[in-house]
Every structure is written in structure tokens, then in C-alpha cells.
Amino acid sequence: LYTLALHRYLGHRVADYDYERHFGGVFYLFLRGM
């Protein structure tokens, strides 16, 4: 859901937005394990 929301947001904010080119991915930090 977060990815879809950010994908739509970037589509409105980034010139010539392309998912493959501009979206790097998702990080989940399990803080106790770092």
C-alpha cells in the first residue's frame, strides 16, 4: 500500500517519472537487530 501511494505521489511530483527508473524500493528496519 505504501509503494502504491508513493508511486502515485511521485507521478505527480517528478518530471518524466518512471517506476523502473525512479523507485528504489522498500526498507524495513528491525531496530533491535541492527
PDB file of all heavy atoms in Angstrom:
ATOM      1  N   LEU A   1       0.839  -1.206   0.000  1.00  0.00           N
ATOM      2  CA  LEU A   1       0.000   0.000   0.000  1.00  0.00           C
ATOM      3  C   LEU A   1       0.874   1.256   0.000  1.00  0.00           C
ATOM      4  O   LEU A   1       0.583   2.229  -0.705  1.00  0.00           O
ATOM      5  CB  LEU A   1      -0.923   0.003   1.213  1.00  0.00           C
ATOM      6  CG  LEU A   1      -1.974  -1.105   1.265  1.00  0.00           C
ATOM      7  CD1 LEU A   1      -2.745  -1.042   2.583  1.00  0.00           C
ATOM      8  CD2 LEU A   1      -2.939  -1.009   0.088  1.00  0.00           C
ATOM      9  N   TYR A   2       1.940   1.232   0.791  1.00  0.00           N
ATOM     10  CA  TYR A   2       2.865   2.365   0.822  1.00  0.00           C
ATOM     11  C   TYR A   2       3.492   2.594  -0.559  1.00  0.00           C
ATOM     12  O   TYR A   2       3.635   3.736  -1.008  1.00  0.00           O
ATOM     13  CB  TYR A   2       3.987   2.114   1.830  1.00  0.00           C
ATOM     14  CG  TYR A   2       3.602   2.220   3.281  1.00  0.00           C
ATOM     15  CD1 TYR A   2       4.535   1.950   4.277  1.00  0.00           C
ATOM     16  CD2 TYR A   2       2.314   2.585   3.675  1.00  0.00           C
ATOM     17  CE1 TYR A   2       4.210   2.050   5.619  1.00  0.00           C
ATOM     18  CE2 TYR A   2       1.980   2.676   5.013  1.00  0.00           C
ATOM     19  CZ  TYR A   2       2.933   2.413   5.991  1.00  0.00           C
ATOM     20  OH  TYR A   2       2.603   2.508   7.317  1.00  0.00           O
ATOM     21  N   THR A   3       3.883   1.502  -1.198  1.00  0.00           N
ATOM     22  CA  THR A   3       4.504   1.623  -2.522  1.00  0.00           C
ATOM     23  C   THR A   3       3.548   2.230  -3.525  1.00  0.00           C
ATOM     24  O   THR A   3       3.929   3.105  -4.314  1.00  0.00           O
ATOM     25  CB  THR A   3       4.988   0.242  -3.017  1.00  0.00           C
ATOM     26  OG1 THR A   3       5.964  -0.270  -2.098  1.00  0.00           O
ATOM     27  CG2 THR A   3       5.601   0.347  -4.407  1.00  0.00           C
ATOM     28  N   LEU A   4       2.298   1.778  -3.505  1.00  0.00           N
ATOM     29  CA  LEU A   4       1.309   2.337  -4.420  1.00  0.00           C
ATOM     30  C   LEU A   4       1.099   3.820  -4.144  1.00  0.00           C
ATOM     31  O   LEU A   4       1.045   4.639  -5.081  1.00  0.00           O
ATOM     32  CB  LEU A   4      -0.012   1.579  -4.291  1.00  0.00           C
ATOM     33  CG  LEU A   4      -1.181   2.109  -5.122  1.00  0.00           C
ATOM     34  CD1 LEU A   4      -0.840   2.137  -6.613  1.00  0.00           C
ATOM     35  CD2 LEU A   4      -2.446   1.283  -4.878  1.00  0.00           C
ATOM     36  N   ALA A   5       1.004   4.195  -2.866  1.00  0.00           N
ATOM     37  CA  ALA A   5       0.809   5.603  -2.514  1.00  0.00           C
ATOM     38  C   ALA A   5       1.989   6.454  -2.980  1.00  0.00           C
ATOM     39  O   ALA A   5       1.808   7.534  -3.555  1.00  0.00           O
ATOM     40  CB  ALA A   5       0.612   5.746  -1.010  1.00  0.00           C
ATOM     41  N   LEU A   6       3.211   5.970  -2.749  1.00  0.00           N
ATOM     42  CA  LEU A   6       4.386   6.735  -3.159  1.00  0.00           C
ATOM     43  C   LEU A   6       4.509   6.784  -4.681  1.00  0.00           C
ATOM     44  O   LEU A   6       4.906   7.814  -5.241  1.00  0.00           O
ATOM     45  CB  LEU A   6       5.648   6.123  -2.541  1.00  0.00           C
ATOM     46  CG  LEU A   6       6.964   6.853  -2.823  1.00  0.00           C
ATOM     47  CD1 LEU A   6       6.892   8.308  -2.386  1.00  0.00           C
ATOM     48  CD2 LEU A   6       8.132   6.142  -2.134  1.00  0.00           C
ATOM     49  N   HIS A   7       4.175   5.697  -5.337  1.00  0.00           N
ATOM     50  CA  HIS A   7       4.181   5.657  -6.808  1.00  0.00           C
ATOM     51  C   HIS A   7       3.266   6.749  -7.376  1.00  0.00           C
ATOM     52  O   HIS A   7       3.664   7.488  -8.289  1.00  0.00           O
ATOM     53  CB  HIS A   7       3.727   4.273  -7.263  1.00  0.00           C
ATOM     54  CG  HIS A   7       3.364   4.176  -8.717  1.00  0.00           C
ATOM     55  ND1 HIS A   7       4.292   4.298  -9.728  1.00  0.00           N
ATOM     56  CD2 HIS A   7       2.155   3.975  -9.316  1.00  0.00           C
ATOM     57  CE1 HIS A   7       3.680   4.168 -10.896  1.00  0.00           C
ATOM     58  NE2 HIS A   7       2.391   3.983 -10.675  1.00  0.00           N
ATOM     59  N   ARG A   8       2.083   6.882  -6.828  1.00  0.00           N
ATOM     60  CA  ARG A   8       1.155   7.911  -7.314  1.00  0.00           C
ATOM     61  C   ARG A   8       1.670   9.314  -6.970  1.00  0.00           C
ATOM     62  O   ARG A   8       1.557  10.237  -7.785  1.00  0.00           O
ATOM     63  CB  ARG A   8      -0.227   7.680  -6.705  1.00  0.00           C
ATOM     64  CG  ARG A   8      -0.932   6.439  -7.255  1.00  0.00           C
ATOM     65  CD  ARG A   8      -2.339   6.326  -6.701  1.00  0.00           C
ATOM     66  NE  ARG A   8      -3.088   5.249  -7.335  1.00  0.00           N
ATOM     67  CZ  ARG A   8      -4.366   4.979  -7.070  1.00  0.00           C
ATOM     68  NH1 ARG A   8      -5.016   5.718  -6.174  1.00  0.00           N
ATOM     69  NH2 ARG A   8      -4.978   3.981  -7.685  1.00  0.00           N
ATOM     70  N   TYR A   9       2.235   9.453  -5.780  1.00  0.00           N
ATOM     71  CA  TYR A   9       2.772  10.750  -5.351  1.00  0.00           C
ATOM     72  C   TYR A   9       3.900  11.196  -6.278  1.00  0.00           C
ATOM     73  O   TYR A   9       3.931  12.340  -6.741  1.00  0.00           O
ATOM     74  CB  TYR A   9       3.259  10.621  -3.913  1.00  0.00           C
ATOM     75  CG  TYR A   9       3.892  11.863  -3.332  1.00  0.00           C
ATOM     76  CD1 TYR A   9       3.113  12.893  -2.811  1.00  0.00           C
ATOM     77  CD2 TYR A   9       5.279  12.003  -3.286  1.00  0.00           C
ATOM     78  CE1 TYR A   9       3.697  14.029  -2.263  1.00  0.00           C
ATOM     79  CE2 TYR A   9       5.867  13.137  -2.739  1.00  0.00           C
ATOM     80  CZ  TYR A   9       5.067  14.148  -2.232  1.00  0.00           C
ATOM     81  OH  TYR A   9       5.647  15.268  -1.699  1.00  0.00           O
ATOM     82  N   LEU A  10       4.829  10.298  -6.546  1.00  0.00           N
ATOM     83  CA  LEU A  10       5.960  10.643  -7.409  1.00  0.00           C
ATOM     84  C   LEU A  10       5.502  10.943  -8.833  1.00  0.00           C
ATOM     85  O   LEU A  10       6.091  11.785  -9.519  1.00  0.00           O
ATOM     86  CB  LEU A  10       6.977   9.495  -7.421  1.00  0.00           C
ATOM     87  CG  LEU A  10       7.700   9.215  -6.097  1.00  0.00           C
ATOM     88  CD1 LEU A  10       8.583   7.982  -6.224  1.00  0.00           C
ATOM     89  CD2 LEU A  10       8.516  10.416  -5.652  1.00  0.00           C
ATOM     90  N   GLY A  11       4.447  10.246  -9.270  1.00  0.00           N
ATOM     91  CA  GLY A  11       3.918  10.507 -10.600  1.00  0.00           C
ATOM     92  C   GLY A  11       3.438  11.933 -10.771  1.00  0.00           C
ATOM     93  O   GLY A  11       3.467  12.480 -11.877  1.00  0.00           O
ATOM     94  N   HIS A  12       3.011  12.556  -9.663  1.00  0.00           N
ATOM     95  CA  HIS A  12       2.551  13.948  -9.704  1.00  0.00           C
ATOM     96  C   HIS A  12       3.687  14.941  -9.475  1.00  0.00           C
ATOM     97  O   HIS A  12       3.576  16.107  -9.851  1.00  0.00           O
ATOM     98  CB  HIS A  12       1.475  14.186  -8.647  1.00  0.00           C
ATOM     99  CG  HIS A  12       0.170  13.508  -8.944  1.00  0.00           C
ATOM    100  ND1 HIS A  12      -0.654  13.876  -9.995  1.00  0.00           N
ATOM    101  CD2 HIS A  12      -0.452  12.479  -8.335  1.00  0.00           C
ATOM    102  CE1 HIS A  12      -1.725  13.111 -10.008  1.00  0.00           C
ATOM    103  NE2 HIS A  12      -1.626  12.257  -9.013  1.00  0.00           N
ATOM    104  N   ARG A  13       4.779  14.494  -8.843  1.00  0.00           N
ATOM    105  CA  ARG A  13       5.806  15.421  -8.395  1.00  0.00           C
ATOM    106  C   ARG A  13       7.110  15.366  -9.192  1.00  0.00           C
ATOM    107  O   ARG A  13       7.881  16.319  -9.168  1.00  0.00           O
ATOM    108  CB  ARG A  13       6.131  15.158  -6.915  1.00  0.00           C
ATOM    109  CG  ARG A  13       4.966  15.446  -5.954  1.00  0.00           C
ATOM    110  CD  ARG A  13       4.529  16.896  -6.019  1.00  0.00           C
ATOM    111  NE  ARG A  13       3.530  17.219  -5.023  1.00  0.00           N
ATOM    112  CZ  ARG A  13       3.797  17.772  -3.849  1.00  0.00           C
ATOM    113  NH1 ARG A  13       5.039  18.062  -3.530  1.00  0.00           N
ATOM    114  NH2 ARG A  13       2.829  18.039  -3.001  1.00  0.00           N
ATOM    115  N   VAL A  14       7.399  14.251  -9.854  1.00  0.00           N
ATOM    116  CA  VAL A  14       8.682  14.085 -10.535  1.00  0.00           C
ATOM    117  C   VAL A  14       8.482  14.163 -12.046  1.00  0.00           C
ATOM    118  O   VAL A  14       7.673  13.414 -12.613  1.00  0.00           O
ATOM    119  CB  VAL A  14       9.342  12.737 -10.162  1.00  0.00           C
ATOM    120  CG1 VAL A  14      10.644  12.535 -10.929  1.00  0.00           C
ATOM    121  CG2 VAL A  14       9.586  12.672  -8.662  1.00  0.00           C
ATOM    122  N   ALA A  15       9.203  15.054 -12.696  1.00  0.00           N
ATOM    123  CA  ALA A  15       9.096  15.188 -14.147  1.00  0.00           C
ATOM    124  C   ALA A  15       9.573  13.906 -14.823  1.00  0.00           C
ATOM    125  O   ALA A  15      10.588  13.329 -14.436  1.00  0.00           O
ATOM    126  CB  ALA A  15       9.935  16.375 -14.616  1.00  0.00           C
ATOM    127  N   ASP A  16       8.818  13.460 -15.819  1.00  0.00           N
ATOM    128  CA  ASP A  16       9.163  12.246 -16.567  1.00  0.00           C
ATOM    129  C   ASP A  16       9.306  11.037 -15.653  1.00  0.00           C
ATOM    130  O   ASP A  16      10.183  10.186 -15.849  1.00  0.00           O
ATOM    131  CB  ASP A  16      10.461  12.445 -17.372  1.00  0.00           C
ATOM    132  CG  ASP A  16      10.368  13.600 -18.358  1.00  0.00           C
ATOM    133  OD1 ASP A  16       9.300  13.751 -18.973  1.00  0.00           O
ATOM    134  OD2 ASP A  16      11.352  14.350 -18.485  1.00  0.00           O
ATOM    135  N   TYR A  17       8.455  10.965 -14.638  1.00  0.00           N
ATOM    136  CA  TYR A  17       8.544   9.864 -13.676  1.00  0.00           C
ATOM    137  C   TYR A  17       8.362   8.516 -14.346  1.00  0.00           C
ATOM    138  O   TYR A  17       7.491   8.323 -15.189  1.00  0.00           O
ATOM    139  CB  TYR A  17       7.494  10.031 -12.576  1.00  0.00           C
ATOM    140  CG  TYR A  17       7.339   8.811 -11.697  1.00  0.00           C
ATOM    141  CD1 TYR A  17       8.329   8.469 -10.777  1.00  0.00           C
ATOM    142  CD2 TYR A  17       6.221   7.992 -11.810  1.00  0.00           C
ATOM    143  CE1 TYR A  17       8.207   7.347  -9.980  1.00  0.00           C
ATOM    144  CE2 TYR A  17       6.082   6.869 -11.013  1.00  0.00           C
ATOM    145  CZ  TYR A  17       7.079   6.545 -10.095  1.00  0.00           C
ATOM    146  OH  TYR A  17       6.950   5.420  -9.323  1.00  0.00           O
ATOM    147  N   ASP A  18       9.223   7.573 -13.944  1.00  0.00           N
ATOM    148  CA  ASP A  18       9.137   6.204 -14.420  1.00  0.00           C
ATOM    149  C   ASP A  18       9.469   5.280 -13.250  1.00  0.00           C
ATOM    150  O   ASP A  18      10.517   5.440 -12.614  1.00  0.00           O
ATOM    151  CB  ASP A  18      10.123   5.955 -15.568  1.00  0.00           C
ATOM    152  CG  ASP A  18      10.121   4.512 -16.034  1.00  0.00           C
ATOM    153  OD1 ASP A  18       9.173   4.119 -16.726  1.00  0.00           O
ATOM    154  OD2 ASP A  18      11.082   3.789 -15.689  1.00  0.00           O
ATOM    155  N   TYR A  19       8.587   4.346 -12.936  1.00  0.00           N
ATOM    156  CA  TYR A  19       8.770   3.488 -11.764  1.00  0.00           C
ATOM    157  C   TYR A  19      10.112   2.773 -11.794  1.00  0.00           C
ATOM    158  O   TYR A  19      10.851   2.762 -10.804  1.00  0.00           O
ATOM    159  CB  TYR A  19       7.630   2.473 -11.678  1.00  0.00           C
ATOM    160  CG  TYR A  19       7.722   1.550 -10.473  1.00  0.00           C
ATOM    161  CD1 TYR A  19       7.161   1.908  -9.249  1.00  0.00           C
ATOM    162  CD2 TYR A  19       8.366   0.315 -10.567  1.00  0.00           C
ATOM    163  CE1 TYR A  19       7.250   1.071  -8.140  1.00  0.00           C
ATOM    164  CE2 TYR A  19       8.467  -0.528  -9.464  1.00  0.00           C
ATOM    165  CZ  TYR A  19       7.900  -0.148  -8.262  1.00  0.00           C
ATOM    166  OH  TYR A  19       8.000  -0.983  -7.168  1.00  0.00           O
ATOM    167  N   GLU A  20      10.441   2.172 -12.922  1.00  0.00           N
ATOM    168  CA  GLU A  20      11.676   1.397 -13.020  1.00  0.00           C
ATOM    169  C   GLU A  20      12.911   2.279 -12.792  1.00  0.00           C
ATOM    170  O   GLU A  20      13.907   1.831 -12.231  1.00  0.00           O
ATOM    171  CB  GLU A  20      11.773   0.714 -14.387  1.00  0.00           C
ATOM    172  CG  GLU A  20      10.704  -0.337 -14.644  1.00  0.00           C
ATOM    173  CD  GLU A  20      10.951  -1.614 -13.867  1.00  0.00           C
ATOM    174  OE1 GLU A  20      11.791  -1.621 -12.934  1.00  0.00           O
ATOM    175  OE2 GLU A  20      10.297  -2.627 -14.174  1.00  0.00           O
ATOM    176  N   ARG A  21      12.823   3.514 -13.225  1.00  0.00           N
ATOM    177  CA  ARG A  21      13.972   4.411 -13.147  1.00  0.00           C
ATOM    178  C   ARG A  21      14.075   5.125 -11.803  1.00  0.00           C
ATOM    179  O   ARG A  21      15.171   5.376 -11.305  1.00  0.00           O
ATOM    180  CB  ARG A  21      13.865   5.448 -14.270  1.00  0.00           C
ATOM    181  CG  ARG A  21      15.187   5.868 -14.874  1.00  0.00           C
ATOM    182  CD  ARG A  21      15.046   6.396 -16.300  1.00  0.00           C
ATOM    183  NE  ARG A  21      13.762   6.957 -16.635  1.00  0.00           N
ATOM    184  CZ  ARG A  21      13.463   8.262 -16.578  1.00  0.00           C
ATOM    185  NH1 ARG A  21      14.362   9.123 -16.167  1.00  0.00           N
ATOM    186  NH2 ARG A  21      12.274   8.687 -16.951  1.00  0.00           N
ATOM    187  N   HIS A  22      12.926   5.431 -11.197  1.00  0.00           N
ATOM    188  CA  HIS A  22      12.921   6.315 -10.045  1.00  0.00           C
ATOM    189  C   HIS A  22      12.633   5.639  -8.709  1.00  0.00           C
ATOM    190  O   HIS A  22      12.983   6.195  -7.661  1.00  0.00           O
ATOM    191  CB  HIS A  22      11.903   7.448 -10.240  1.00  0.00           C
ATOM    192  CG  HIS A  22      12.270   8.418 -11.317  1.00  0.00           C
ATOM    193  ND1 HIS A  22      11.664   8.444 -12.547  1.00  0.00           N
ATOM    194  CD2 HIS A  22      13.212   9.399 -11.342  1.00  0.00           C
ATOM    195  CE1 HIS A  22      12.193   9.402 -13.287  1.00  0.00           C
ATOM    196  NE2 HIS A  22      13.132   9.989 -12.582  1.00  0.00           N
ATOM    197  N   PHE A  23      11.986   4.482  -8.713  1.00  0.00           N
ATOM    198  CA  PHE A  23      11.632   3.864  -7.439  1.00  0.00           C
ATOM    199  C   PHE A  23      12.701   2.857  -7.031  1.00  0.00           C
ATOM    200  O   PHE A  23      12.957   1.882  -7.728  1.00  0.00           O
ATOM    201  CB  PHE A  23      10.266   3.177  -7.505  1.00  0.00           C
ATOM    202  CG  PHE A  23       9.782   2.701  -6.155  1.00  0.00           C
ATOM    203  CD1 PHE A  23       9.228   3.601  -5.261  1.00  0.00           C
ATOM    204  CD2 PHE A  23       9.903   1.372  -5.777  1.00  0.00           C
ATOM    205  CE1 PHE A  23       8.796   3.186  -4.004  1.00  0.00           C
ATOM    206  CE2 PHE A  23       9.474   0.942  -4.532  1.00  0.00           C
ATOM    207  CZ  PHE A  23       8.914   1.850  -3.637  1.00  0.00           C
ATOM    208  N   GLY A  24      13.325   3.105  -5.861  1.00  0.00           N
ATOM    209  CA  GLY A  24      14.437   2.264  -5.424  1.00  0.00           C
ATOM    210  C   GLY A  24      14.036   1.058  -4.611  1.00  0.00           C
ATOM    211  O   GLY A  24      14.728   0.040  -4.623  1.00  0.00           O
ATOM    212  N   GLY A  25      12.927   1.142  -3.871  1.00  0.00           N
ATOM    213  CA  GLY A  25      12.480   0.006  -3.088  1.00  0.00           C
ATOM    214  C   GLY A  25      12.054   0.377  -1.676  1.00  0.00           C
ATOM    215  O   GLY A  25      11.900   1.553  -1.332  1.00  0.00           O
ATOM    216  N   VAL A  26      11.903  -0.669  -0.854  1.00  0.00           N
ATOM    217  CA  VAL A  26      11.340  -0.558   0.485  1.00  0.00           C
ATOM    218  C   VAL A  26      12.340  -1.091   1.502  1.00  0.00           C
ATOM    219  O   VAL A  26      12.877  -2.192   1.338  1.00  0.00           O
ATOM    220  CB  VAL A  26      10.036  -1.385   0.580  1.00  0.00           C
ATOM    221  CG1 VAL A  26       9.504  -1.393   2.001  1.00  0.00           C
ATOM    222  CG2 VAL A  26       8.992  -0.865  -0.400  1.00  0.00           C
ATOM    223  N   PHE A  27      12.590  -0.327   2.557  1.00  0.00           N
ATOM    224  CA  PHE A  27      13.406  -0.788   3.679  1.00  0.00           C
ATOM    225  C   PHE A  27      12.542  -0.881   4.931  1.00  0.00           C
ATOM    226  O   PHE A  27      11.820   0.061   5.253  1.00  0.00           O
ATOM    227  CB  PHE A  27      14.563   0.177   3.964  1.00  0.00           C
ATOM    228  CG  PHE A  27      15.661   0.158   2.949  1.00  0.00           C
ATOM    229  CD1 PHE A  27      15.814   1.209   2.048  1.00  0.00           C
ATOM    230  CD2 PHE A  27      16.554  -0.905   2.886  1.00  0.00           C
ATOM    231  CE1 PHE A  27      16.840   1.199   1.117  1.00  0.00           C
ATOM    232  CE2 PHE A  27      17.581  -0.918   1.950  1.00  0.00           C
ATOM    233  CZ  PHE A  27      17.722   0.134   1.060  1.00  0.00           C
ATOM    234  N   TYR A  28      12.632  -2.018   5.613  1.00  0.00           N
ATOM    235  CA  TYR A  28      12.042  -2.157   6.947  1.00  0.00           C
ATOM    236  C   TYR A  28      13.203  -2.377   7.912  1.00  0.00           C
ATOM    237  O   TYR A  28      13.947  -3.354   7.783  1.00  0.00           O
ATOM    238  CB  TYR A  28      11.064  -3.332   7.000  1.00  0.00           C
ATOM    239  CG  TYR A  28       9.645  -2.937   6.634  1.00  0.00           C
ATOM    240  CD1 TYR A  28       9.368  -2.252   5.456  1.00  0.00           C
ATOM    241  CD2 TYR A  28       8.586  -3.230   7.478  1.00  0.00           C
ATOM    242  CE1 TYR A  28       8.085  -1.876   5.130  1.00  0.00           C
ATOM    243  CE2 TYR A  28       7.281  -2.859   7.160  1.00  0.00           C
ATOM    244  CZ  TYR A  28       7.043  -2.175   5.981  1.00  0.00           C
ATOM    245  OH  TYR A  28       5.765  -1.795   5.666  1.00  0.00           O
ATOM    246  N   LEU A  29      13.362  -1.467   8.864  1.00  0.00           N
ATOM    247  CA  LEU A  29      14.453  -1.565   9.826  1.00  0.00           C
ATOM    248  C   LEU A  29      13.941  -2.177  11.131  1.00  0.00           C
ATOM    249  O   LEU A  29      13.145  -1.556  11.849  1.00  0.00           O
ATOM    250  CB  LEU A  29      15.053  -0.179  10.107  1.00  0.00           C
ATOM    251  CG  LEU A  29      15.596   0.601   8.906  1.00  0.00           C
ATOM    252  CD1 LEU A  29      16.351   1.833   9.395  1.00  0.00           C
ATOM    253  CD2 LEU A  29      16.467  -0.259   8.017  1.00  0.00           C
ATOM    254  N   PHE A  30      14.369  -3.397  11.412  1.00  0.00           N
ATOM    255  CA  PHE A  30      14.081  -4.025  12.692  1.00  0.00           C
ATOM    256  C   PHE A  30      15.171  -3.543  13.658  1.00  0.00           C
ATOM    257  O   PHE A  30      16.256  -4.107  13.746  1.00  0.00           O
ATOM    258  CB  PHE A  30      14.079  -5.543  12.546  1.00  0.00           C
ATOM    259  CG  PHE A  30      12.860  -6.080  11.847  1.00  0.00           C
ATOM    260  CD1 PHE A  30      12.716  -5.954  10.476  1.00  0.00           C
ATOM    261  CD2 PHE A  30      11.837  -6.695  12.574  1.00  0.00           C
ATOM    262  CE1 PHE A  30      11.586  -6.435   9.825  1.00  0.00           C
ATOM    263  CE2 PHE A  30      10.701  -7.183  11.934  1.00  0.00           C
ATOM    264  CZ  PHE A  30      10.576  -7.050  10.558  1.00  0.00           C
ATOM    265  N   LEU A  31      14.854  -2.464  14.377  1.00  0.00           N
ATOM    266  CA  LEU A  31      15.849  -1.701  15.108  1.00  0.00           C
ATOM    267  C   LEU A  31      16.615  -2.540  16.132  1.00  0.00           C
ATOM    268  O   LEU A  31      17.814  -2.347  16.331  1.00  0.00           O
ATOM    269  CB  LEU A  31      15.178  -0.517  15.808  1.00  0.00           C
ATOM    270  CG  LEU A  31      14.486   0.503  14.885  1.00  0.00           C
ATOM    271  CD1 LEU A  31      13.704   1.514  15.718  1.00  0.00           C
ATOM    272  CD2 LEU A  31      15.503   1.220  14.004  1.00  0.00           C
ATOM    273  N   ARG A  32      15.944  -3.497  16.754  1.00  0.00           N
ATOM    274  CA  ARG A  32      16.610  -4.296  17.796  1.00  0.00           C
ATOM    275  C   ARG A  32      17.687  -5.206  17.219  1.00  0.00           C
ATOM    276  O   ARG A  32      18.547  -5.692  17.960  1.00  0.00           O
ATOM    277  CB  ARG A  32      15.573  -5.129  18.548  1.00  0.00           C
ATOM    278  CG  ARG A  32      14.532  -4.311  19.298  1.00  0.00           C
ATOM    279  CD  ARG A  32      13.515  -5.213  19.980  1.00  0.00           C
ATOM    280  NE  ARG A  32      12.389  -4.466  20.499  1.00  0.00           N
ATOM    281  CZ  ARG A  32      12.311  -3.968  21.743  1.00  0.00           C
ATOM    282  NH1 ARG A  32      13.330  -4.127  22.567  1.00  0.00           N
ATOM    283  NH2 ARG A  32      11.243  -3.312  22.138  1.00  0.00           N
ATOM    284  N   GLY A  33      17.653  -5.455  15.927  1.00  0.00           N
ATOM    285  CA  GLY A  33      18.625  -6.349  15.318  1.00  0.00           C
ATOM    286  C   GLY A  33      19.792  -5.648  14.656  1.00  0.00           C
ATOM    287  O   GLY A  33      20.694  -6.305  14.138  1.00  0.00           O
ATOM    288  N   MET A  34      19.799  -4.331  14.654  1.00  0.00           N
ATOM    289  CA  MET A  34      20.849  -3.581  13.962  1.00  0.00           C
ATOM    290  C   MET A  34      22.018  -3.334  14.909  1.00  0.00           C
ATOM    291  O   MET A  34      22.132  -2.285  15.533  1.00  0.00           O
ATOM    292  CB  MET A  34      20.286  -2.266  13.419  1.00  0.00           C
ATOM    293  CG  MET A  34      19.178  -2.475  12.390  1.00  0.00           C
ATOM    294  SD  MET A  34      18.468  -0.925  11.767  1.00  0.00           S
ATOM    295  CE  MET A  34      19.836  -0.275  10.807  1.00  0.00           C
TER     296      MET A  34
END
